Amino acid sequence: LERTIGLPVTQQIELTDTVPYGPLPELNIDEALQQAYSR
């Protein structure tokens, strides 16, 4: 992880966030695809 974010590998780190989880809200697939094509 430190290699990907520019920290020396000797740096001690602590992750403050816990493992996030929540059911994904309903997603309109057609609107989602149009969003993907435009963005």
PDB file of all heavy atoms in Angstrom:
ATOM      1  N   LEU A   1       0.834  -1.206   0.000  1.00  0.00           N
ATOM      2  CA  LEU A   1       0.000   0.000   0.000  1.00  0.00           C
ATOM      3  C   LEU A   1       0.865   1.252   0.000  1.00  0.00           C
ATOM      4  O   LEU A   1       0.597   2.210  -0.738  1.00  0.00           O
ATOM      5  CB  LEU A   1      -0.921  -0.014   1.225  1.00  0.00           C
ATOM      6  CG  LEU A   1      -1.749   1.260   1.477  1.00  0.00           C
ATOM      7  CD1 LEU A   1      -2.673   1.537   0.284  1.00  0.00           C
ATOM      8  CD2 LEU A   1      -2.560   1.135   2.759  1.00  0.00           C
ATOM      9  N   GLU A   2       1.913   1.260   0.816  1.00  0.00           N
ATOM     10  CA  GLU A   2       2.786   2.425   0.877  1.00  0.00           C
ATOM     11  C   GLU A   2       3.493   2.656  -0.451  1.00  0.00           C
ATOM     12  O   GLU A   2       3.740   3.811  -0.835  1.00  0.00           O
ATOM     13  CB  GLU A   2       3.799   2.238   2.009  1.00  0.00           C
ATOM     14  CG  GLU A   2       3.165   2.315   3.394  1.00  0.00           C
ATOM     15  CD  GLU A   2       4.127   1.948   4.510  1.00  0.00           C
ATOM     16  OE1 GLU A   2       5.128   1.251   4.220  1.00  0.00           O
ATOM     17  OE2 GLU A   2       3.882   2.348   5.650  1.00  0.00           O
ATOM     18  N   ARG A   3       3.819   1.591  -1.169  1.00  0.00           N
ATOM     19  CA  ARG A   3       4.465   1.743  -2.478  1.00  0.00           C
ATOM     20  C   ARG A   3       3.560   2.479  -3.462  1.00  0.00           C
ATOM     21  O   ARG A   3       4.045   3.241  -4.306  1.00  0.00           O
ATOM     22  CB  ARG A   3       4.815   0.371  -3.034  1.00  0.00           C
ATOM     23  CG  ARG A   3       6.009  -0.275  -2.398  1.00  0.00           C
ATOM     24  CD  ARG A   3       7.312   0.162  -3.061  1.00  0.00           C
ATOM     25  NE  ARG A   3       7.370  -0.285  -4.451  1.00  0.00           N
ATOM     26  CZ  ARG A   3       7.546   0.508  -5.493  1.00  0.00           C
ATOM     27  NH1 ARG A   3       7.674   1.811  -5.337  1.00  0.00           N
ATOM     28  NH2 ARG A   3       7.598   0.014  -6.717  1.00  0.00           N
ATOM     29  N   THR A   4       2.257   2.269  -3.387  1.00  0.00           N
ATOM     30  CA  THR A   4       1.346   2.872  -4.361  1.00  0.00           C
ATOM     31  C   THR A   4       1.003   4.315  -4.034  1.00  0.00           C
ATOM     32  O   THR A   4       0.527   5.040  -4.913  1.00  0.00           O
ATOM     33  CB  THR A   4       0.035   2.060  -4.441  1.00  0.00           C
ATOM     34  OG1 THR A   4      -0.608   2.064  -3.152  1.00  0.00           O
ATOM     35  CG2 THR A   4       0.300   0.638  -4.861  1.00  0.00           C
ATOM     36  N   ILE A   5       1.231   4.759  -2.786  1.00  0.00           N
ATOM     37  CA  ILE A   5       0.827   6.108  -2.399  1.00  0.00           C
ATOM     38  C   ILE A   5       2.015   6.997  -2.053  1.00  0.00           C
ATOM     39  O   ILE A   5       1.828   8.093  -1.518  1.00  0.00           O
ATOM     40  CB  ILE A   5      -0.170   6.073  -1.223  1.00  0.00           C
ATOM     41  CG1 ILE A   5       0.471   5.442   0.008  1.00  0.00           C
ATOM     42  CG2 ILE A   5      -1.440   5.330  -1.613  1.00  0.00           C
ATOM     43  CD1 ILE A   5      -0.431   5.470   1.240  1.00  0.00           C
ATOM     44  N   GLY A   6       3.236   6.536  -2.318  1.00  0.00           N
ATOM     45  CA  GLY A   6       4.398   7.394  -2.155  1.00  0.00           C
ATOM     46  C   GLY A   6       4.918   7.522  -0.741  1.00  0.00           C
ATOM     47  O   GLY A   6       5.526   8.544  -0.401  1.00  0.00           O
ATOM     48  N   LEU A   7       4.692   6.502   0.092  1.00  0.00           N
ATOM     49  CA  LEU A   7       5.246   6.503   1.436  1.00  0.00           C
ATOM     50  C   LEU A   7       6.435   5.549   1.497  1.00  0.00           C
ATOM     51  O   LEU A   7       6.417   4.511   0.840  1.00  0.00           O
ATOM     52  CB  LEU A   7       4.196   6.069   2.467  1.00  0.00           C
ATOM     53  CG  LEU A   7       3.085   7.072   2.801  1.00  0.00           C
ATOM     54  CD1 LEU A   7       2.084   6.444   3.757  1.00  0.00           C
ATOM     55  CD2 LEU A   7       3.656   8.354   3.393  1.00  0.00           C
ATOM     56  N   PRO A   8       7.464   5.861   2.294  1.00  0.00           N
ATOM     57  CA  PRO A   8       8.562   4.897   2.457  1.00  0.00           C
ATOM     58  C   PRO A   8       8.052   3.635   3.158  1.00  0.00           C
ATOM     59  O   PRO A   8       7.179   3.713   4.028  1.00  0.00           O
ATOM     60  CB  PRO A   8       9.569   5.661   3.327  1.00  0.00           C
ATOM     61  CG  PRO A   8       8.764   6.718   4.017  1.00  0.00           C
ATOM     62  CD  PRO A   8       7.665   7.089   3.079  1.00  0.00           C
ATOM     63  N   VAL A   9       8.598   2.498   2.793  1.00  0.00           N
ATOM     64  CA  VAL A   9       8.095   1.232   3.334  1.00  0.00           C
ATOM     65  C   VAL A   9       8.432   1.064   4.812  1.00  0.00           C
ATOM     66  O   VAL A   9       7.924   0.147   5.462  1.00  0.00           O
ATOM     67  CB  VAL A   9       8.659   0.040   2.528  1.00  0.00           C
ATOM     68  CG1 VAL A   9       8.127   0.058   1.115  1.00  0.00           C
ATOM     69  CG2 VAL A   9      10.194   0.049   2.536  1.00  0.00           C
ATOM     70  N   THR A  10       9.282   1.941   5.338  1.00  0.00           N
ATOM     71  CA  THR A  10       9.597   1.891   6.767  1.00  0.00           C
ATOM     72  C   THR A  10       8.585   2.669   7.606  1.00  0.00           C
ATOM     73  O   THR A  10       8.623   2.595   8.832  1.00  0.00           O
ATOM     74  CB  THR A  10      10.998   2.468   7.014  1.00  0.00           C
ATOM     75  OG1 THR A  10      11.056   3.806   6.482  1.00  0.00           O
ATOM     76  CG2 THR A  10      12.059   1.608   6.325  1.00  0.00           C
ATOM     77  N   GLN A  11       7.685   3.400   6.962  1.00  0.00           N
ATOM     78  CA  GLN A  11       6.703   4.203   7.684  1.00  0.00           C
ATOM     79  C   GLN A  11       5.628   3.312   8.293  1.00  0.00           C
ATOM     80  O   GLN A  11       5.005   2.503   7.601  1.00  0.00           O
ATOM     81  CB  GLN A  11       6.060   5.218   6.738  1.00  0.00           C
ATOM     82  CG  GLN A  11       4.981   6.061   7.372  1.00  0.00           C
ATOM     83  CD  GLN A  11       5.533   7.032   8.389  1.00  0.00           C
ATOM     84  OE1 GLN A  11       6.419   7.825   8.089  1.00  0.00           O
ATOM     85  NE2 GLN A  11       5.023   6.975   9.611  1.00  0.00           N
ATOM     86  N   GLN A  12       5.381   3.484   9.581  1.00  0.00           N
ATOM     87  CA  GLN A  12       4.305   2.756  10.242  1.00  0.00           C
ATOM     88  C   GLN A  12       2.992   3.515  10.045  1.00  0.00           C
ATOM     89  O   GLN A  12       2.937   4.734  10.229  1.00  0.00           O
ATOM     90  CB  GLN A  12       4.598   2.590  11.733  1.00  0.00           C
ATOM     91  CG  GLN A  12       5.791   1.686  12.028  1.00  0.00           C
ATOM     92  CD  GLN A  12       5.587   0.279  11.475  1.00  0.00           C
ATOM     93  OE1 GLN A  12       4.522  -0.325  11.633  1.00  0.00           O
ATOM     94  NE2 GLN A  12       6.622  -0.240  10.804  1.00  0.00           N
ATOM     95  N   ILE A  13       1.952   2.798   9.635  1.00  0.00           N
ATOM     96  CA  ILE A  13       0.665   3.429   9.358  1.00  0.00           C
ATOM     97  C   ILE A  13      -0.441   2.699  10.105  1.00  0.00           C
ATOM     98  O   ILE A  13      -0.302   1.539  10.498  1.00  0.00           O
ATOM     99  CB  ILE A  13       0.352   3.449   7.848  1.00  0.00           C
ATOM    100  CG1 ILE A  13       0.273   2.023   7.294  1.00  0.00           C
ATOM    101  CG2 ILE A  13       1.366   4.277   7.090  1.00  0.00           C
ATOM    102  CD1 ILE A  13      -0.166   1.962   5.841  1.00  0.00           C
ATOM    103  N   GLU A  14      -1.532   3.419  10.283  1.00  0.00           N
ATOM    104  CA  GLU A  14      -2.735   2.851  10.901  1.00  0.00           C
ATOM    105  C   GLU A  14      -3.939   3.265  10.070  1.00  0.00           C
ATOM    106  O   GLU A  14      -4.124   4.454   9.783  1.00  0.00           O
ATOM    107  CB  GLU A  14      -2.880   3.343  12.335  1.00  0.00           C
ATOM    108  CG  GLU A  14      -4.146   2.837  13.028  1.00  0.00           C
ATOM    109  CD  GLU A  14      -4.321   3.425  14.417  1.00  0.00           C
ATOM    110  OE1 GLU A  14      -3.339   3.987  14.957  1.00  0.00           O
ATOM    111  OE2 GLU A  14      -5.444   3.340  14.948  1.00  0.00           O
ATOM    112  N   LEU A  15      -4.750   2.306   9.666  1.00  0.00           N
ATOM    113  CA  LEU A  15      -5.934   2.597   8.874  1.00  0.00           C
ATOM    114  C   LEU A  15      -7.080   2.968   9.810  1.00  0.00           C
ATOM    115  O   LEU A  15      -7.425   2.203  10.720  1.00  0.00           O
ATOM    116  CB  LEU A  15      -6.317   1.391   8.019  1.00  0.00           C
ATOM    117  CG  LEU A  15      -5.212   0.850   7.094  1.00  0.00           C
ATOM    118  CD1 LEU A  15      -5.770  -0.229   6.174  1.00  0.00           C
ATOM    119  CD2 LEU A  15      -4.572   1.960   6.276  1.00  0.00           C
ATOM    120  N   THR A  16      -7.634   4.134   9.597  1.00  0.00           N
ATOM    121  CA  THR A  16      -8.675   4.632  10.502  1.00  0.00           C
ATOM    122  C   THR A  16     -10.072   4.172  10.097  1.00  0.00           C
ATOM    123  O   THR A  16     -10.974   4.169  10.928  1.00  0.00           O
ATOM    124  CB  THR A  16      -8.642   6.163  10.548  1.00  0.00           C
ATOM    125  OG1 THR A  16      -8.856   6.688   9.216  1.00  0.00           O
ATOM    126  CG2 THR A  16      -7.299   6.655  11.064  1.00  0.00           C
ATOM    127  N   ASP A  17     -10.262   3.803   8.837  1.00  0.00           N
ATOM    128  CA  ASP A  17     -11.577   3.348   8.388  1.00  0.00           C
ATOM    129  C   ASP A  17     -11.713   1.846   8.605  1.00  0.00           C
ATOM    130  O   ASP A  17     -10.760   1.087   8.401  1.00  0.00           O
ATOM    131  CB  ASP A  17     -11.795   3.671   6.904  1.00  0.00           C
ATOM    132  CG  ASP A  17     -11.968   5.161   6.670  1.00  0.00           C
ATOM    133  OD1 ASP A  17     -12.267   5.870   7.653  1.00  0.00           O
ATOM    134  OD2 ASP A  17     -11.798   5.608   5.533  1.00  0.00           O
ATOM    135  N   THR A  18     -12.908   1.429   8.999  1.00  0.00           N
ATOM    136  CA  THR A  18     -13.200   0.004   9.088  1.00  0.00           C
ATOM    137  C   THR A  18     -13.659  -0.498   7.721  1.00  0.00           C
ATOM    138  O   THR A  18     -13.831   0.289   6.784  1.00  0.00           O
ATOM    139  CB  THR A  18     -14.283  -0.263  10.131  1.00  0.00           C
ATOM    140  OG1 THR A  18     -15.459   0.492   9.781  1.00  0.00           O
ATOM    141  CG2 THR A  18     -13.818   0.168  11.516  1.00  0.00           C
ATOM    142  N   VAL A  19     -13.860  -1.793   7.615  1.00  0.00           N
ATOM    143  CA  VAL A  19     -14.300  -2.355   6.334  1.00  0.00           C
ATOM    144  C   VAL A  19     -15.703  -1.850   6.043  1.00  0.00           C
ATOM    145  O   VAL A  19     -16.637  -2.151   6.784  1.00  0.00           O
ATOM    146  CB  VAL A  19     -14.290  -3.888   6.373  1.00  0.00           C
ATOM    147  CG1 VAL A  19     -14.734  -4.455   5.030  1.00  0.00           C
ATOM    148  CG2 VAL A  19     -12.908  -4.397   6.735  1.00  0.00           C
ATOM    149  N   PRO A  20     -15.865  -1.033   4.994  1.00  0.00           N
ATOM    150  CA  PRO A  20     -17.203  -0.497   4.716  1.00  0.00           C
ATOM    151  C   PRO A  20     -18.109  -1.554   4.108  1.00  0.00           C
ATOM    152  O   PRO A  20     -17.663  -2.441   3.386  1.00  0.00           O
ATOM    153  CB  PRO A  20     -16.924   0.629   3.710  1.00  0.00           C
ATOM    154  CG  PRO A  20     -15.657   0.201   3.025  1.00  0.00           C
ATOM    155  CD  PRO A  20     -14.864  -0.574   4.037  1.00  0.00           C
ATOM    156  N   TYR A  21     -19.389  -1.456   4.437  1.00  0.00           N
ATOM    157  CA  TYR A  21     -20.357  -2.358   3.800  1.00  0.00           C
ATOM    158  C   TYR A  21     -21.746  -1.739   3.871  1.00  0.00           C
ATOM    159  O   TYR A  21     -22.152  -1.186   4.898  1.00  0.00           O
ATOM    160  CB  TYR A  21     -20.391  -3.724   4.467  1.00  0.00           C
ATOM    161  CG  TYR A  21     -21.501  -4.598   3.890  1.00  0.00           C
ATOM    162  CD1 TYR A  21     -21.412  -5.071   2.592  1.00  0.00           C
ATOM    163  CD2 TYR A  21     -22.630  -4.880   4.635  1.00  0.00           C
ATOM    164  CE1 TYR A  21     -22.420  -5.833   2.040  1.00  0.00           C
ATOM    165  CE2 TYR A  21     -23.657  -5.644   4.097  1.00  0.00           C
ATOM    166  CZ  TYR A  21     -23.546  -6.118   2.797  1.00  0.00           C
ATOM    167  OH  TYR A  21     -24.560  -6.859   2.253  1.00  0.00           O
ATOM    168  N   GLY A  22     -22.447  -1.851   2.786  1.00  0.00           N
ATOM    169  CA  GLY A  22     -23.839  -1.444   2.719  1.00  0.00           C
ATOM    170  C   GLY A  22     -24.423  -1.952   1.426  1.00  0.00           C
ATOM    171  O   GLY A  22     -23.750  -1.965   0.393  1.00  0.00           O
ATOM    172  N   PRO A  23     -25.657  -2.428   1.438  1.00  0.00           N
ATOM    173  CA  PRO A  23     -26.285  -2.915   0.197  1.00  0.00           C
ATOM    174  C   PRO A  23     -26.321  -1.818  -0.858  1.00  0.00           C
ATOM    175  O   PRO A  23     -26.633  -0.661  -0.557  1.00  0.00           O
ATOM    176  CB  PRO A  23     -27.693  -3.317   0.642  1.00  0.00           C
ATOM    177  CG  PRO A  23     -27.590  -3.517   2.122  1.00  0.00           C
ATOM    178  CD  PRO A  23     -26.548  -2.551   2.599  1.00  0.00           C
ATOM    179  N   LEU A  24     -25.962  -2.161  -2.072  1.00  0.00           N
ATOM    180  CA  LEU A  24     -25.950  -1.179  -3.155  1.00  0.00           C
ATOM    181  C   LEU A  24     -27.374  -0.771  -3.498  1.00  0.00           C
ATOM    182  O   LEU A  24     -28.246  -1.625  -3.681  1.00  0.00           O
ATOM    183  CB  LEU A  24     -25.269  -1.773  -4.398  1.00  0.00           C
ATOM    184  CG  LEU A  24     -24.991  -0.799  -5.536  1.00  0.00           C
ATOM    185  CD1 LEU A  24     -23.887   0.171  -5.140  1.00  0.00           C
ATOM    186  CD2 LEU A  24     -24.594  -1.549  -6.798  1.00  0.00           C
ATOM    187  N   PRO A  25     -27.651   0.541  -3.580  1.00  0.00           N
ATOM    188  CA  PRO A  25     -29.002   0.981  -3.943  1.00  0.00           C
ATOM    189  C   PRO A  25     -29.376   0.504  -5.351  1.00  0.00           C
ATOM    190  O   PRO A  25     -28.516   0.173  -6.174  1.00  0.00           O
ATOM    191  CB  PRO A  25     -28.909   2.506  -3.884  1.00  0.00           C
ATOM    192  CG  PRO A  25     -27.695   2.802  -3.068  1.00  0.00           C
ATOM    193  CD  PRO A  25     -26.759   1.662  -3.301  1.00  0.00           C
ATOM    194  N   GLU A  26     -30.667   0.472  -5.600  1.00  0.00           N
ATOM    195  CA  GLU A  26     -31.153   0.082  -6.918  1.00  0.00           C
ATOM    196  C   GLU A  26     -30.588   1.020  -7.982  1.00  0.00           C
ATOM    197  O   GLU A  26     -30.535   2.228  -7.795  1.00  0.00           O
ATOM    198  CB  GLU A  26     -32.679   0.095  -6.956  1.00  0.00           C
ATOM    199  CG  GLU A  26     -33.324  -1.018  -6.147  1.00  0.00           C
ATOM    200  CD  GLU A  26     -33.026  -2.393  -6.732  1.00  0.00           C
ATOM    201  OE1 GLU A  26     -32.887  -2.500  -7.972  1.00  0.00           O
ATOM    202  OE2 GLU A  26     -32.938  -3.354  -5.950  1.00  0.00           O
ATOM    203  N   LEU A  27     -30.167   0.439  -9.088  1.00  0.00           N
ATOM    204  CA  LEU A  27     -29.520   1.200 -10.151  1.00  0.00           C
ATOM    205  C   LEU A  27     -30.229   0.930 -11.465  1.00  0.00           C
ATOM    206  O   LEU A  27     -30.393  -0.230 -11.868  1.00  0.00           O
ATOM    207  CB  LEU A  27     -28.042   0.794 -10.249  1.00  0.00           C
ATOM    208  CG  LEU A  27     -27.130   1.681 -11.080  1.00  0.00           C
ATOM    209  CD1 LEU A  27     -26.992   3.053 -10.425  1.00  0.00           C
ATOM    210  CD2 LEU A  27     -25.747   1.044 -11.212  1.00  0.00           C
ATOM    211  N   ASN A  28     -30.691   2.004 -12.118  1.00  0.00           N
ATOM    212  CA  ASN A  28     -31.302   1.867 -13.443  1.00  0.00           C
ATOM    213  C   ASN A  28     -30.181   1.611 -14.450  1.00  0.00           C
ATOM    214  O   ASN A  28     -29.352   2.489 -14.695  1.00  0.00           O
ATOM    215  CB  ASN A  28     -32.086   3.140 -13.797  1.00  0.00           C
ATOM    216  CG  ASN A  28     -32.854   2.987 -15.100  1.00  0.00           C
ATOM    217  OD1 ASN A  28     -32.292   2.688 -16.150  1.00  0.00           O
ATOM    218  ND2 ASN A  28     -34.171   3.190 -15.017  1.00  0.00           N
ATOM    219  N   ILE A  29     -30.158   0.416 -15.021  1.00  0.00           N
ATOM    220  CA  ILE A  29     -29.029   0.015 -15.850  1.00  0.00           C
ATOM    221  C   ILE A  29     -28.916   0.875 -17.097  1.00  0.00           C
ATOM    222  O   ILE A  29     -27.807   1.229 -17.525  1.00  0.00           O
ATOM    223  CB  ILE A  29     -29.127  -1.485 -16.224  1.00  0.00           C
ATOM    224  CG1 ILE A  29     -27.855  -1.937 -16.918  1.00  0.00           C
ATOM    225  CG2 ILE A  29     -30.367  -1.756 -17.033  1.00  0.00           C
ATOM    226  CD1 ILE A  29     -26.623  -1.870 -16.084  1.00  0.00           C
ATOM    227  N   ASP A  30     -30.054   1.247 -17.709  1.00  0.00           N
ATOM    228  CA  ASP A  30     -29.999   2.063 -18.930  1.00  0.00           C
ATOM    229  C   ASP A  30     -29.442   3.453 -18.636  1.00  0.00           C
ATOM    230  O   ASP A  30     -28.609   3.977 -19.388  1.00  0.00           O
ATOM    231  CB  ASP A  30     -31.392   2.168 -19.551  1.00  0.00           C
ATOM    232  CG  ASP A  30     -31.894   0.829 -20.068  1.00  0.00           C
ATOM    233  OD1 ASP A  30     -31.048   0.005 -20.483  1.00  0.00           O
ATOM    234  OD2 ASP A  30     -33.118   0.583 -20.039  1.00  0.00           O
ATOM    235  N   GLU A  31     -29.909   4.070 -17.538  1.00  0.00           N
ATOM    236  CA  GLU A  31     -29.392   5.381 -17.167  1.00  0.00           C
ATOM    237  C   GLU A  31     -27.920   5.294 -16.789  1.00  0.00           C
ATOM    238  O   GLU A  31     -27.131   6.199 -17.102  1.00  0.00           O
ATOM    239  CB  GLU A  31     -30.203   5.943 -16.002  1.00  0.00           C
ATOM    240  CG  GLU A  31     -31.656   6.266 -16.354  1.00  0.00           C
ATOM    241  CD  GLU A  31     -32.421   6.809 -15.161  1.00  0.00           C
ATOM    242  OE1 GLU A  31     -31.808   6.889 -14.068  1.00  0.00           O
ATOM    243  OE2 GLU A  31     -33.608   7.135 -15.309  1.00  0.00           O
ATOM    244  N   ALA A  32     -27.548   4.201 -16.127  1.00  0.00           N
ATOM    245  CA  ALA A  32     -26.153   4.026 -15.734  1.00  0.00           C
ATOM    246  C   ALA A  32     -25.254   3.914 -16.959  1.00  0.00           C
ATOM    247  O   ALA A  32     -24.154   4.484 -16.996  1.00  0.00           O
ATOM    248  CB  ALA A  32     -26.012   2.792 -14.849  1.00  0.00           C
ATOM    249  N   LEU A  33     -25.698   3.187 -17.977  1.00  0.00           N
ATOM    250  CA  LEU A  33     -24.893   3.038 -19.187  1.00  0.00           C
ATOM    251  C   LEU A  33     -24.760   4.359 -19.930  1.00  0.00           C
ATOM    252  O   LEU A  33     -23.681   4.696 -20.428  1.00  0.00           O
ATOM    253  CB  LEU A  33     -25.517   1.975 -20.095  1.00  0.00           C
ATOM    254  CG  LEU A  33     -25.399   0.527 -19.607  1.00  0.00           C
ATOM    255  CD1 LEU A  33     -26.174  -0.415 -20.517  1.00  0.00           C
ATOM    256  CD2 LEU A  33     -23.937   0.107 -19.533  1.00  0.00           C
ATOM    257  N   GLN A  34     -25.852   5.125 -20.016  1.00  0.00           N
ATOM    258  CA  GLN A  34     -25.764   6.430 -20.662  1.00  0.00           C
ATOM    259  C   GLN A  34     -24.810   7.351 -19.913  1.00  0.00           C
ATOM    260  O   GLN A  34     -24.067   8.128 -20.517  1.00  0.00           O
ATOM    261  CB  GLN A  34     -27.164   7.065 -20.739  1.00  0.00           C
ATOM    262  CG  GLN A  34     -28.093   6.356 -21.712  1.00  0.00           C
ATOM    263  CD  GLN A  34     -27.525   6.263 -23.119  1.00  0.00           C
ATOM    264  OE1 GLN A  34     -26.953   7.233 -23.630  1.00  0.00           O
ATOM    265  NE2 GLN A  34     -27.684   5.116 -23.749  1.00  0.00           N
ATOM    266  N   GLN A  35     -24.820   7.236 -18.582  1.00  0.00           N
ATOM    267  CA  GLN A  35     -23.871   8.014 -17.790  1.00  0.00           C
ATOM    268  C   GLN A  35     -22.442   7.597 -18.088  1.00  0.00           C
ATOM    269  O   GLN A  35     -21.544   8.436 -18.200  1.00  0.00           O
ATOM    270  CB  GLN A  35     -24.179   7.826 -16.300  1.00  0.00           C
ATOM    271  CG  GLN A  35     -23.249   8.597 -15.377  1.00  0.00           C
ATOM    272  CD  GLN A  35     -23.464   8.251 -13.913  1.00  0.00           C
ATOM    273  OE1 GLN A  35     -23.653   7.095 -13.568  1.00  0.00           O
ATOM    274  NE2 GLN A  35     -23.445   9.252 -13.060  1.00  0.00           N
ATOM    275  N   ALA A  36     -22.233   6.288 -18.225  1.00  0.00           N
ATOM    276  CA  ALA A  36     -20.886   5.797 -18.511  1.00  0.00           C
ATOM    277  C   ALA A  36     -20.405   6.283 -19.871  1.00  0.00           C
ATOM    278  O   ALA A  36     -19.246   6.694 -20.017  1.00  0.00           O
ATOM    279  CB  ALA A  36     -20.871   4.268 -18.449  1.00  0.00           C
ATOM    280  N   TYR A  37     -21.286   6.263 -20.884  1.00  0.00           N
ATOM    281  CA  TYR A  37     -20.884   6.696 -22.221  1.00  0.00           C
ATOM    282  C   TYR A  37     -20.565   8.190 -22.255  1.00  0.00           C
ATOM    283  O   TYR A  37     -19.760   8.643 -23.073  1.00  0.00           O
ATOM    284  CB  TYR A  37     -21.980   6.396 -23.235  1.00  0.00           C
ATOM    285  CG  TYR A  37     -22.286   4.926 -23.378  1.00  0.00           C
ATOM    286  CD1 TYR A  37     -23.594   4.476 -23.582  1.00  0.00           C
ATOM    287  CD2 TYR A  37     -21.290   3.973 -23.295  1.00  0.00           C
ATOM    288  CE1 TYR A  37     -23.882   3.133 -23.719  1.00  0.00           C
ATOM    289  CE2 TYR A  37     -21.568   2.623 -23.422  1.00  0.00           C
ATOM    290  CZ  TYR A  37     -22.868   2.205 -23.632  1.00  0.00           C
ATOM    291  OH  TYR A  37     -23.153   0.871 -23.747  1.00  0.00           O
ATOM    292  N   SER A  38     -21.193   8.967 -21.396  1.00  0.00           N
ATOM    293  CA  SER A  38     -20.991  10.421 -21.423  1.00  0.00           C
ATOM    294  C   SER A  38     -19.893  10.890 -20.479  1.00  0.00           C
ATOM    295  O   SER A  38     -19.399  12.010 -20.621  1.00  0.00           O
ATOM    296  CB  SER A  38     -22.297  11.136 -21.062  1.00  0.00           C
ATOM    297  OG  SER A  38     -22.711  10.797 -19.740  1.00  0.00           O
ATOM    298  N   ARG A  39     -19.486  10.024 -19.521  1.00  0.00           N
ATOM    299  CA  ARG A  39     -18.546  10.487 -18.509  1.00  0.00           C
ATOM    300  C   ARG A  39     -17.272   9.645 -18.417  1.00  0.00           C
ATOM    301  O   ARG A  39     -16.257  10.149 -17.942  1.00  0.00           O
ATOM    302  CB  ARG A  39     -19.221  10.501 -17.124  1.00  0.00           C
ATOM    303  CG  ARG A  39     -20.417  11.421 -17.030  1.00  0.00           C
ATOM    304  CD  ARG A  39     -20.863  11.549 -15.593  1.00  0.00           C
ATOM    305  NE  ARG A  39     -19.783  12.029 -14.730  1.00  0.00           N
ATOM    306  CZ  ARG A  39     -19.936  12.305 -13.440  1.00  0.00           C
ATOM    307  NH1 ARG A  39     -21.103  12.140 -12.871  1.00  0.00           N
ATOM    308  NH2 ARG A  39     -18.918  12.730 -12.723  1.00  0.00           N
TER     309      ARG A  39
END
